[in-house]
Amino acid sequence: MSTGVIAYYVIISSRNGLFTPILNGATNSNNYADPVPQAVILTAIVIGFSIQALMLVGVMKLAQNNPTLETKEIEKNNTP
């Protein structure tokens, strides 16, 4: 879902004729791209990657302690 939202923002924000907002002596400031959505999307990518890495560690720990795919066995082994 996160990848779909990021792809949607990339498609919507891709327009021809927009420049990065770097001052280079040009006086036309109407054709600058807004950097805030780009920063938000970059942050979403980083957060999505960190959540995926955290979930991978959880799955690895679960697989190490319970070498089965049966949920009843996993619940039985983890119930005090």
Protein backbone atom coordinates (compact mmCIF):
# COMPACT_ATOMS: atom_id res chain seq x y z
CA MET A 1 0.00 0.00 0.00
CA SER A 2 2.84 2.34 0.86
CA THR A 3 4.49 1.71 -2.50
CA GLY A 4 1.24 2.46 -4.29
CA VAL A 5 0.81 5.79 -2.49
CA ILE A 6 4.41 6.76 -3.22
CA ALA A 7 4.00 5.84 -6.90
CA TYR A 8 0.78 7.89 -7.04
CA TYR A 9 2.57 10.96 -5.67
CA VAL A 10 5.44 10.50 -8.12
CA ILE A 11 3.05 10.28 -11.07
CA ILE A 12 1.01 13.28 -9.94
CA SER A 13 4.03 15.46 -9.21
CA SER A 14 5.88 14.77 -12.47
CA ARG A 15 5.31 17.83 -14.65
CA ASN A 16 7.34 19.24 -17.49
CA GLY A 17 9.02 22.62 -17.15
CA LEU A 18 9.55 22.61 -13.38
CA PHE A 19 12.96 23.39 -11.96
CA THR A 20 14.58 22.67 -8.63
CA PRO A 21 14.39 25.63 -6.23
CA ILE A 22 18.09 26.50 -6.33
CA LEU A 23 19.03 30.14 -6.71
CA ASN A 24 21.14 30.53 -9.82
CA GLY A 25 20.40 34.12 -10.77
CA ALA A 26 17.23 33.40 -12.72
CA THR A 27 14.39 35.83 -12.12
CA ASN A 28 11.51 33.56 -13.13
CA SER A 29 10.31 31.99 -9.88
CA ASN A 30 6.97 30.66 -11.14
CA ASN A 31 8.31 27.39 -12.53
CA TYR A 32 9.84 25.97 -9.36
CA ALA A 33 8.86 22.57 -8.04
CA ASP A 34 7.68 22.43 -4.44
CA PRO A 35 10.30 20.55 -2.38
CA VAL A 36 7.96 19.72 0.53
CA PRO A 37 6.13 16.81 -1.16
CA GLN A 38 9.48 15.42 -2.25
CA ALA A 39 10.73 15.51 1.34
CA VAL A 40 7.53 13.86 2.60
CA ILE A 41 7.82 11.05 0.06
CA LEU A 42 11.48 10.50 0.89
CA THR A 43 10.55 10.30 4.58
CA ALA A 44 7.78 7.81 3.77
CA ILE A 45 10.25 5.62 1.89
CA VAL A 46 12.68 5.62 4.81
CA ILE A 47 9.95 4.87 7.36
CA GLY A 48 8.57 2.07 5.18
CA PHE A 49 12.01 0.51 4.87
CA SER A 50 12.62 0.68 8.62
CA ILE A 51 9.24 -0.92 9.38
CA GLN A 52 9.98 -3.68 6.89
CA ALA A 53 13.39 -4.31 8.49
CA LEU A 54 11.82 -4.42 11.97
CA MET A 55 9.18 -6.90 10.84
CA LEU A 56 11.86 -9.05 9.20
CA VAL A 57 13.75 -9.23 12.50
CA GLY A 58 10.51 -10.24 14.25
CA VAL A 59 9.85 -12.99 11.72
CA MET A 60 13.44 -14.23 12.00
CA LYS A 61 13.16 -14.38 15.81
CA LEU A 62 9.80 -16.15 15.59
CA ALA A 63 11.17 -18.67 13.07
CA GLN A 64 14.21 -19.30 15.26
CA ASN A 65 12.12 -20.08 18.34
CA ASN A 66 9.32 -21.97 16.54
CA PRO A 67 10.37 -24.06 13.53
CA THR A 68 6.77 -24.57 12.39
CA LEU A 69 4.11 -22.73 10.39
CA GLU A 70 1.21 -23.96 12.55
CA THR A 71 -0.26 -21.01 14.47
CA LYS A 72 -1.71 -23.24 17.19
CA GLU A 73 1.74 -24.65 17.92
CA ILE A 74 3.28 -21.17 18.04
CA GLU A 75 0.56 -19.93 20.41
CA LYS A 76 0.97 -23.04 22.60
CA ASN A 77 4.74 -22.52 22.81
CA ASN A 78 4.45 -18.81 23.65
CA THR A 79 1.61 -19.01 26.21
CA PRO A 80 2.86 -18.82 29.82
